[in-house]
PDB file of N, CA and C in Angstrom:
ATOM      1  N   MET A   1      13.403   9.577 -68.427  1.00  0.00           N
ATOM      2  CA  MET A   1      14.092  10.642 -67.712  1.00  0.00           C
ATOM      3  C   MET A   1      15.195  10.030 -66.860  1.00  0.00           C
ATOM      4  N   LYS A   2      16.308  10.652 -66.861  1.00  0.00           N
ATOM      5  CA  LYS A   2      17.474  10.172 -66.123  1.00  0.00           C
ATOM      6  C   LYS A   2      17.317  10.462 -64.630  1.00  0.00           C
ATOM      7  N   ASN A   3      17.686   9.505 -63.782  1.00  0.00           N
ATOM      8  CA  ASN A   3      17.616   9.706 -62.333  1.00  0.00           C
ATOM      9  C   ASN A   3      18.744  10.617 -61.876  1.00  0.00           C
ATOM     10  N   PRO A   4      18.423  11.624 -61.070  1.00  0.00           N
ATOM     11  CA  PRO A   4      19.485  12.504 -60.570  1.00  0.00           C
ATOM     12  C   PRO A   4      20.331  11.768 -59.532  1.00  0.00           C
ATOM     13  N   ASN A   5      21.570  12.125 -59.429  1.00  0.00           N
ATOM     14  CA  ASN A   5      22.470  11.535 -58.440  1.00  0.00           C
ATOM     15  C   ASN A   5      22.538  12.440 -57.221  1.00  0.00           C
ATOM     16  N   PHE A   6      21.685  12.180 -56.243  1.00  0.00           N
ATOM     17  CA  PHE A   6      21.684  12.970 -55.022  1.00  0.00           C
ATOM     18  C   PHE A   6      22.759  12.451 -54.082  1.00  0.00           C
ATOM     19  N   LYS A   7      23.452  13.377 -53.438  1.00  0.00           N
ATOM     20  CA  LYS A   7      24.434  12.987 -52.437  1.00  0.00           C
ATOM     21  C   LYS A   7      23.681  12.553 -51.189  1.00  0.00           C
ATOM     22  N   THR A   8      24.207  11.568 -50.499  1.00  0.00           N
ATOM     23  CA  THR A   8      23.591  11.098 -49.260  1.00  0.00           C
ATOM     24  C   THR A   8      24.551  11.320 -48.104  1.00  0.00           C
ATOM     25  N   ILE A   9      24.005  11.261 -46.902  1.00  0.00           N
ATOM     26  CA  ILE A   9      24.845  11.392 -45.716  1.00  0.00           C
ATOM     27  C   ILE A   9      24.901  10.063 -44.988  1.00  0.00           C
ATOM     28  N   SER A  10      25.869   9.924 -44.133  1.00  0.00           N
ATOM     29  CA  SER A  10      26.065   8.668 -43.412  1.00  0.00           C
ATOM     30  C   SER A  10      24.991   8.488 -42.334  1.00  0.00           C
ATOM     31  N   ILE A  11      24.882   7.278 -41.841  1.00  0.00           N
ATOM     32  CA  ILE A  11      23.947   6.972 -40.747  1.00  0.00           C
ATOM     33  C   ILE A  11      24.314   7.794 -39.511  1.00  0.00           C
ATOM     34  N   GLN A  12      25.611   7.940 -39.248  1.00  0.00           N
ATOM     35  CA  GLN A  12      26.056   8.731 -38.095  1.00  0.00           C
ATOM     36  C   GLN A  12      25.619  10.193 -38.247  1.00  0.00           C
ATOM     37  N   ALA A  13      25.707  10.714 -39.453  1.00  0.00           N
ATOM     38  CA  ALA A  13      25.299  12.096 -39.695  1.00  0.00           C
ATOM     39  C   ALA A  13      23.789  12.263 -39.517  1.00  0.00           C
ATOM     40  N   THR A  14      23.015  11.251 -39.888  1.00  0.00           N
ATOM     41  CA  THR A  14      21.562  11.359 -39.703  1.00  0.00           C
ATOM     42  C   THR A  14      21.208  11.368 -38.220  1.00  0.00           C
ATOM     43  N   ASP A  15      21.991  10.660 -37.418  1.00  0.00           N
ATOM     44  CA  ASP A  15      21.762  10.687 -35.967  1.00  0.00           C
ATOM     45  C   ASP A  15      21.949  12.092 -35.405  1.00  0.00           C
ATOM     46  N   GLU A  16      22.889  12.847 -35.958  1.00  0.00           N
ATOM     47  CA  GLU A  16      23.136  14.220 -35.516  1.00  0.00           C
ATOM     48  C   GLU A  16      21.935  15.121 -35.776  1.00  0.00           C
ATOM     49  N   LEU A  17      21.165  14.801 -36.803  1.00  0.00           N
ATOM     50  CA  LEU A  17      20.028  15.651 -37.177  1.00  0.00           C
ATOM     51  C   LEU A  17      18.877  15.601 -36.183  1.00  0.00           C
ATOM     52  N   VAL A  18      18.823  14.573 -35.358  1.00  0.00           N
ATOM     53  CA  VAL A  18      17.701  14.433 -34.436  1.00  0.00           C
ATOM     54  C   VAL A  18      18.104  14.584 -32.971  1.00  0.00           C
ATOM     55  N   LYS A  19      19.351  14.955 -32.722  1.00  0.00           N
ATOM     56  CA  LYS A  19      19.790  15.171 -31.348  1.00  0.00           C
ATOM     57  C   LYS A  19      19.164  16.443 -30.784  1.00  0.00           C
ATOM     58  N   LEU A  20      19.019  16.471 -29.463  1.00  0.00           N
ATOM     59  CA  LEU A  20      18.551  17.683 -28.803  1.00  0.00           C
ATOM     60  C   LEU A  20      19.581  18.790 -28.984  1.00  0.00           C
ATOM     61  N   PHE A  21      19.127  20.028 -28.904  1.00  0.00           N
ATOM     62  CA  PHE A  21      20.023  21.165 -29.059  1.00  0.00           C
ATOM     63  C   PHE A  21      20.994  21.231 -27.881  1.00  0.00           C
ATOM     64  N   ASN A  22      22.235  21.574 -28.173  1.00  0.00           N
ATOM     65  CA  ASN A  22      23.298  21.672 -27.191  1.00  0.00           C
ATOM     66  C   ASN A  22      23.478  23.140 -26.809  1.00  0.00           C
ATOM     67  N   LEU A  23      23.502  23.434 -25.510  1.00  0.00           N
ATOM     68  CA  LEU A  23      23.587  24.817 -25.030  1.00  0.00           C
ATOM     69  C   LEU A  23      24.781  25.553 -25.628  1.00  0.00           C
ATOM     70  N   GLU A  24      25.941  24.944 -25.638  1.00  0.00           N
ATOM     71  CA  GLU A  24      27.128  25.627 -26.153  1.00  0.00           C
ATOM     72  C   GLU A  24      27.033  25.904 -27.652  1.00  0.00           C
ATOM     73  N   LYS A  25      26.464  24.964 -28.399  1.00  0.00           N
ATOM     74  CA  LYS A  25      26.318  25.179 -29.842  1.00  0.00           C
ATOM     75  C   LYS A  25      25.288  26.264 -30.137  1.00  0.00           C
ATOM     76  N   VAL A  26      24.199  26.288 -29.370  1.00  0.00           N
ATOM     77  CA  VAL A  26      23.178  27.331 -29.555  1.00  0.00           C
ATOM     78  C   VAL A  26      23.761  28.688 -29.186  1.00  0.00           C
ATOM     79  N   LYS A  27      24.499  28.747 -28.090  1.00  0.00           N
ATOM     80  CA  LYS A  27      25.134  30.002 -27.670  1.00  0.00           C
ATOM     81  C   LYS A  27      26.073  30.507 -28.764  1.00  0.00           C
ATOM     82  N   LYS A  28      26.883  29.630 -29.315  1.00  0.00           N
ATOM     83  CA  LYS A  28      27.808  30.010 -30.382  1.00  0.00           C
ATOM     84  C   LYS A  28      27.048  30.565 -31.588  1.00  0.00           C
ATOM     85  N   ALA A  29      25.937  29.902 -31.945  1.00  0.00           N
ATOM     86  CA  ALA A  29      25.133  30.351 -33.086  1.00  0.00           C
ATOM     87  C   ALA A  29      24.521  31.730 -32.813  1.00  0.00           C
ATOM     88  N   VAL A  30      24.010  31.937 -31.605  1.00  0.00           N
ATOM     89  CA  VAL A  30      23.408  33.223 -31.243  1.00  0.00           C
ATOM     90  C   VAL A  30      24.465  34.328 -31.293  1.00  0.00           C
ATOM     91  N   LEU A  31      25.636  34.054 -30.735  1.00  0.00           N
ATOM     92  CA  LEU A  31      26.691  35.070 -30.695  1.00  0.00           C
ATOM     93  C   LEU A  31      27.236  35.404 -32.079  1.00  0.00           C
ATOM     94  N   GLU A  32      27.097  34.495 -33.032  1.00  0.00           N
ATOM     95  CA  GLU A  32      27.577  34.735 -34.389  1.00  0.00           C
ATOM     96  C   GLU A  32      26.561  35.465 -35.272  1.00  0.00           C
ATOM     97  N   CYS A  33      25.330  35.626 -34.794  1.00  0.00           N
ATOM     98  CA  CYS A  33      24.289  36.285 -35.587  1.00  0.00           C
ATOM     99  C   CYS A  33      24.499  37.793 -35.621  1.00  0.00           C
ATOM    100  N   ASP A  34      23.943  38.415 -36.658  1.00  0.00           N
ATOM    101  CA  ASP A  34      23.973  39.867 -36.788  1.00  0.00           C
ATOM    102  C   ASP A  34      23.144  40.462 -35.656  1.00  0.00           C
ATOM    103  N   ASN A  35      23.785  41.164 -34.737  1.00  0.00           N
ATOM    104  CA  ASN A  35      23.106  41.662 -33.541  1.00  0.00           C
ATOM    105  C   ASN A  35      21.985  42.643 -33.808  1.00  0.00           C
ATOM    106  N   PHE A  36      22.041  43.347 -34.918  1.00  0.00           N
ATOM    107  CA  PHE A  36      21.047  44.383 -35.155  1.00  0.00           C
ATOM    108  C   PHE A  36      20.068  44.013 -36.257  1.00  0.00           C
ATOM    109  N   LYS A  37      19.954  42.732 -36.537  1.00  0.00           N
ATOM    110  CA  LYS A  37      18.969  42.268 -37.513  1.00  0.00           C
ATOM    111  C   LYS A  37      17.583  42.630 -36.990  1.00  0.00           C
ATOM    112  N   SER A  38      16.651  42.848 -37.882  1.00  0.00           N
ATOM    113  CA  SER A  38      15.299  43.278 -37.497  1.00  0.00           C
ATOM    114  C   SER A  38      14.727  42.409 -36.385  1.00  0.00           C
ATOM    115  N   HIS A  39      14.058  43.039 -35.490  1.00  0.00           N
ATOM    116  CA  HIS A  39      13.453  42.338 -34.360  1.00  0.00           C
ATOM    117  C   HIS A  39      12.018  41.943 -34.660  1.00  0.00           C
ATOM    118  N   GLY A  40      11.488  41.098 -33.818  1.00  0.00           N
ATOM    119  CA  GLY A  40      10.105  40.652 -33.969  1.00  0.00           C
ATOM    120  C   GLY A  40       9.142  41.614 -33.316  1.00  0.00           C
ATOM    121  N   THR A  41       7.934  41.159 -33.087  1.00  0.00           N
ATOM    122  CA  THR A  41       6.873  42.018 -32.549  1.00  0.00           C
ATOM    123  C   THR A  41       7.148  42.469 -31.127  1.00  0.00           C
ATOM    124  N   VAL A  42       7.977  41.743 -30.384  1.00  0.00           N
ATOM    125  CA  VAL A  42       8.258  42.126 -29.003  1.00  0.00           C
ATOM    126  C   VAL A  42       9.497  43.000 -28.889  1.00  0.00           C
ATOM    127  N   GLY A  43      10.162  43.299 -29.992  1.00  0.00           N
ATOM    128  CA  GLY A  43      11.291  44.206 -29.983  1.00  0.00           C
ATOM    129  C   GLY A  43      12.608  43.592 -29.547  1.00  0.00           C
ATOM    130  N   ILE A  44      12.714  42.281 -29.549  1.00  0.00           N
ATOM    131  CA  ILE A  44      13.944  41.621 -29.121  1.00  0.00           C
ATOM    132  C   ILE A  44      14.735  41.187 -30.349  1.00  0.00           C
ATOM    133  N   ASN A  45      15.976  41.667 -30.453  1.00  0.00           N
ATOM    134  CA  ASN A  45      16.835  41.229 -31.541  1.00  0.00           C
ATOM    135  C   ASN A  45      18.008  40.433 -30.962  1.00  0.00           C
ATOM    136  N   PHE A  46      18.932  40.025 -31.807  1.00  0.00           N
ATOM    137  CA  PHE A  46      20.047  39.211 -31.322  1.00  0.00           C
ATOM    138  C   PHE A  46      20.983  40.006 -30.423  1.00  0.00           C
ATOM    139  N   ASN A  47      20.986  41.328 -30.523  1.00  0.00           N
ATOM    140  CA  ASN A  47      21.784  42.128 -29.599  1.00  0.00           C
ATOM    141  C   ASN A  47      21.294  41.905 -28.170  1.00  0.00           C
ATOM    142  N   PHE A  48      19.993  41.882 -27.989  1.00  0.00           N
ATOM    143  CA  PHE A  48      19.418  41.616 -26.665  1.00  0.00           C
ATOM    144  C   PHE A  48      19.835  40.234 -26.172  1.00  0.00           C
ATOM    145  N   LEU A  49      19.686  39.213 -27.050  1.00  0.00           N
ATOM    146  CA  LEU A  49      20.052  37.855 -26.651  1.00  0.00           C
ATOM    147  C   LEU A  49      21.530  37.752 -26.303  1.00  0.00           C
ATOM    148  N   THR A  50      22.376  38.418 -27.080  1.00  0.00           N
ATOM    149  CA  THR A  50      23.811  38.394 -26.817  1.00  0.00           C
ATOM    150  C   THR A  50      24.136  39.072 -25.490  1.00  0.00           C
ATOM    151  N   GLU A  51      23.554  40.242 -25.287  1.00  0.00           N
ATOM    152  CA  GLU A  51      23.836  41.026 -24.078  1.00  0.00           C
ATOM    153  C   GLU A  51      23.361  40.330 -22.805  1.00  0.00           C
ATOM    154  N   PHE A  52      22.210  39.691 -22.870  1.00  0.00           N
ATOM    155  CA  PHE A  52      21.608  39.106 -21.671  1.00  0.00           C
ATOM    156  C   PHE A  52      21.573  37.582 -21.705  1.00  0.00           C
ATOM    157  N   TRP A  53      22.480  36.960 -22.474  1.00  0.00           N
ATOM    158  CA  TRP A  53      22.473  35.508 -22.652  1.00  0.00           C
ATOM    159  C   TRP A  53      22.469  34.764 -21.318  1.00  0.00           C
ATOM    160  N   THR A  54      23.243  35.220 -20.350  1.00  0.00           N
ATOM    161  CA  THR A  54      23.313  34.504 -19.070  1.00  0.00           C
ATOM    162  C   THR A  54      21.967  34.484 -18.350  1.00  0.00           C
ATOM    163  N   TYR A  55      21.105  35.452 -18.643  1.00  0.00           N
ATOM    164  CA  TYR A  55      19.797  35.520 -17.995  1.00  0.00           C
ATOM    165  C   TYR A  55      18.701  34.819 -18.792  1.00  0.00           C
ATOM    166  N   VAL A  56      18.826  34.819 -20.111  1.00  0.00           N
ATOM    167  CA  VAL A  56      17.740  34.299 -20.947  1.00  0.00           C
ATOM    168  C   VAL A  56      18.007  32.917 -21.532  1.00  0.00           C
ATOM    169  N   ASN A  57      19.214  32.376 -21.329  1.00  0.00           N
ATOM    170  CA  ASN A  57      19.546  31.119 -22.010  1.00  0.00           C
ATOM    171  C   ASN A  57      18.640  29.961 -21.609  1.00  0.00           C
ATOM    172  N   THR A  58      18.198  29.917 -20.365  1.00  0.00           N
ATOM    173  CA  THR A  58      17.319  28.818 -19.934  1.00  0.00           C
ATOM    174  C   THR A  58      15.999  28.860 -20.691  1.00  0.00           C
ATOM    175  N   ASN A  59      15.395  30.038 -20.770  1.00  0.00           N
ATOM    176  CA  ASN A  59      14.134  30.172 -21.503  1.00  0.00           C
ATOM    177  C   ASN A  59      14.325  29.961 -22.995  1.00  0.00           C
ATOM    178  N   PHE A  60      15.442  30.453 -23.524  1.00  0.00           N
ATOM    179  CA  PHE A  60      15.710  30.276 -24.947  1.00  0.00           C
ATOM    180  C   PHE A  60      15.886  28.798 -25.279  1.00  0.00           C
ATOM    181  N   MET A  61      16.584  28.072 -24.417  1.00  0.00           N
ATOM    182  CA  MET A  61      16.773  26.636 -24.637  1.00  0.00           C
ATOM    183  C   MET A  61      15.446  25.882 -24.487  1.00  0.00           C
ATOM    184  N   ARG A  62      14.577  26.352 -23.615  1.00  0.00           N
ATOM    185  CA  ARG A  62      13.245  25.744 -23.494  1.00  0.00           C
ATOM    186  C   ARG A  62      12.466  25.953 -24.795  1.00  0.00           C
ATOM    187  N   PHE A  63      12.574  27.149 -25.364  1.00  0.00           N
ATOM    188  CA  PHE A  63      11.951  27.457 -26.647  1.00  0.00           C
ATOM    189  C   PHE A  63      12.488  26.523 -27.732  1.00  0.00           C
ATOM    190  N   MET A  64      13.806  26.337 -27.763  1.00  0.00           N
ATOM    191  CA  MET A  64      14.423  25.453 -28.755  1.00  0.00           C
ATOM    192  C   MET A  64      13.974  24.002 -28.534  1.00  0.00           C
ATOM    193  N   GLY A  65      13.840  23.602 -27.275  1.00  0.00           N
ATOM    194  CA  GLY A  65      13.370  22.258 -26.962  1.00  0.00           C
ATOM    195  C   GLY A  65      11.937  22.025 -27.429  1.00  0.00           C
ATOM    196  N   GLU A  66      11.086  23.049 -27.288  1.00  0.00           N
ATOM    197  CA  GLU A  66       9.706  22.941 -27.774  1.00  0.00           C
ATOM    198  C   GLU A  66       9.681  22.807 -29.287  1.00  0.00           C
ATOM    199  N   PHE A  67      10.563  23.552 -29.960  1.00  0.00           N
ATOM    200  CA  PHE A  67      10.677  23.425 -31.411  1.00  0.00           C
ATOM    201  C   PHE A  67      11.086  22.005 -31.783  1.00  0.00           C
ATOM    202  N   HIS A  68      12.053  21.457 -31.076  1.00  0.00           N
ATOM    203  CA  HIS A  68      12.538  20.102 -31.366  1.00  0.00           C
ATOM    204  C   HIS A  68      11.423  19.080 -31.152  1.00  0.00           C
ATOM    205  N   ALA A  69      10.665  19.236 -30.078  1.00  0.00           N
ATOM    206  CA  ALA A  69       9.603  18.277 -29.751  1.00  0.00           C
ATOM    207  C   ALA A  69       8.408  18.371 -30.702  1.00  0.00           C
ATOM    208  N   ASN A  70       8.064  19.589 -31.128  1.00  0.00           N
ATOM    209  CA  ASN A  70       6.852  19.798 -31.928  1.00  0.00           C
ATOM    210  C   ASN A  70       7.107  19.958 -33.423  1.00  0.00           C
ATOM    211  N   CYS A  71       8.356  20.092 -33.805  1.00  0.00           N
ATOM    212  CA  CYS A  71       8.750  20.259 -35.220  1.00  0.00           C
ATOM    213  C   CYS A  71       8.160  21.505 -35.869  1.00  0.00           C
ATOM    214  N   LYS A  72       7.861  22.513 -35.080  1.00  0.00           N
ATOM    215  CA  LYS A  72       7.397  23.779 -35.639  1.00  0.00           C
ATOM    216  C   LYS A  72       7.614  24.891 -34.629  1.00  0.00           C
ATOM    217  N   LEU A  73       7.792  26.102 -35.166  1.00  0.00           N
ATOM    218  CA  LEU A  73       7.959  27.274 -34.317  1.00  0.00           C
ATOM    219  C   LEU A  73       6.596  27.882 -34.031  1.00  0.00           C
ATOM    220  N   VAL A  74       6.480  28.519 -32.881  1.00  0.00           N
ATOM    221  CA  VAL A  74       5.231  29.213 -32.595  1.00  0.00           C
ATOM    222  C   VAL A  74       5.073  30.334 -33.608  1.00  0.00           C
ATOM    223  N   LYS A  75       3.847  30.649 -33.953  1.00  0.00           N
ATOM    224  CA  LYS A  75       3.550  31.606 -35.022  1.00  0.00           C
ATOM    225  C   LYS A  75       4.250  32.950 -34.817  1.00  0.00           C
ATOM    226  N   GLN A  76       4.287  33.436 -33.599  1.00  0.00           N
ATOM    227  CA  GLN A  76       4.834  34.754 -33.325  1.00  0.00           C
ATOM    228  C   GLN A  76       6.353  34.823 -33.443  1.00  0.00           C
ATOM    229  N   SER A  77       7.034  33.704 -33.497  1.00  0.00           N
ATOM    230  CA  SER A  77       8.495  33.723 -33.510  1.00  0.00           C
ATOM    231  C   SER A  77       9.074  34.181 -34.842  1.00  0.00           C
ATOM    232  N   ASN A  78       8.275  34.229 -35.878  1.00  0.00           N
ATOM    233  CA  ASN A  78       8.798  34.612 -37.179  1.00  0.00           C
ATOM    234  C   ASN A  78       8.031  35.803 -37.761  1.00  0.00           C
ATOM    235  N   CYS A  79       7.584  36.700 -36.890  1.00  0.00           N
ATOM    236  CA  CYS A  79       6.847  37.886 -37.348  1.00  0.00           C
ATOM    237  C   CYS A  79       7.813  39.014 -37.657  1.00  0.00           C
ATOM    238  N   THR A  80       7.525  39.733 -38.696  1.00  0.00           N
ATOM    239  CA  THR A  80       8.332  40.889 -39.063  1.00  0.00           C
ATOM    240  C   THR A  80       7.398  41.998 -39.531  1.00  0.00           C
ATOM    241  N   PHE A  81       7.689  43.209 -39.090  1.00  0.00           N
ATOM    242  CA  PHE A  81       6.944  44.365 -39.559  1.00  0.00           C
ATOM    243  C   PHE A  81       7.886  45.236 -40.371  1.00  0.00           C
ATOM    244  N   VAL A  82       7.393  45.765 -41.461  1.00  0.00           N
ATOM    245  CA  VAL A  82       8.176  46.662 -42.292  1.00  0.00           C
ATOM    246  C   VAL A  82       7.534  48.037 -42.186  1.00  0.00           C
ATOM    247  N   ALA A  83       8.342  49.014 -41.811  1.00  0.00           N
ATOM    248  CA  ALA A  83       7.849  50.388 -41.736  1.00  0.00           C
ATOM    249  C   ALA A  83       8.451  51.168 -42.889  1.00  0.00           C
ATOM    250  N   LEU A  84       7.602  51.749 -43.703  1.00  0.00           N
ATOM    251  CA  LEU A  84       8.076  52.575 -44.820  1.00  0.00           C
ATOM    252  C   LEU A  84       8.215  54.010 -44.322  1.00  0.00           C
ATOM    253  N   ILE A  85       9.373  54.582 -44.501  1.00  0.00           N
ATOM    254  CA  ILE A  85       9.625  55.952 -44.051  1.00  0.00           C
ATOM    255  C   ILE A  85       9.726  56.847 -45.277  1.00  0.00           C
ATOM    256  N   PRO A  86       8.737  57.750 -45.428  1.00  0.00           N
ATOM    257  CA  PRO A  86       8.755  58.633 -46.602  1.00  0.00           C
ATOM    258  C   PRO A  86       9.966  59.570 -46.553  1.00  0.00           C
ATOM    259  N   LYS A  87      10.543  59.833 -47.714  1.00  0.00           N
ATOM    260  CA  LYS A  87      11.703  60.718 -47.779  1.00  0.00           C
ATOM    261  C   LYS A  87      11.319  62.078 -48.361  1.00  0.00           C
ATOM    262  N   VAL A  88      10.202  62.584 -47.890  1.00  0.00           N
ATOM    263  CA  VAL A  88       9.764  63.923 -48.260  1.00  0.00           C
ATOM    264  C   VAL A  88       9.478  64.704 -46.996  1.00  0.00           C
ATOM    265  N   VAL A  89       9.484  66.014 -47.069  1.00  0.00           N
ATOM    266  CA  VAL A  89       9.297  66.852 -45.895  1.00  0.00           C
ATOM    267  C   VAL A  89       7.909  66.674 -45.285  1.00  0.00           C
ATOM    268  N   ALA A  90       6.860  66.687 -46.098  1.00  0.00           N
ATOM    269  CA  ALA A  90       5.513  66.576 -45.578  1.00  0.00           C
ATOM    270  C   ALA A  90       4.774  65.467 -46.332  1.00  0.00           C
ATOM    271  N   PRO A  91       4.868  64.253 -45.854  1.00  0.00           N
ATOM    272  CA  PRO A  91       4.209  63.141 -46.569  1.00  0.00           C
ATOM    273  C   PRO A  91       2.695  63.242 -46.535  1.00  0.00           C
TER     274      PRO A  91
END
C-alpha cells in the first residue's frame, strides 16, 4: 500500500496550537458566530454572549481556560434539545 502524503505544519505553527486562549481572539470568534444559533439547556445563545460580553467575558475566559487545562468540555456545554412542533390543528 502506498503511503499517503500528509501535509505538515511548522514547529512555530505547532506552538500556536498549545497557547492559552487570547481574550481578543475569543471575543472576535464569539462576535462572528450566528447569534441565534440554538441554545443549550440554560437558554444562552451567542446573542446573549454578544450583548453582554463586557459582563461575561471573565467567566467565559475561565471556562475556556478550564477547557485548555483539562482538554475536554464539561458535559453540559454541548447539550441540545430538539422540539418537534406538529403542523396540524389538533395534534
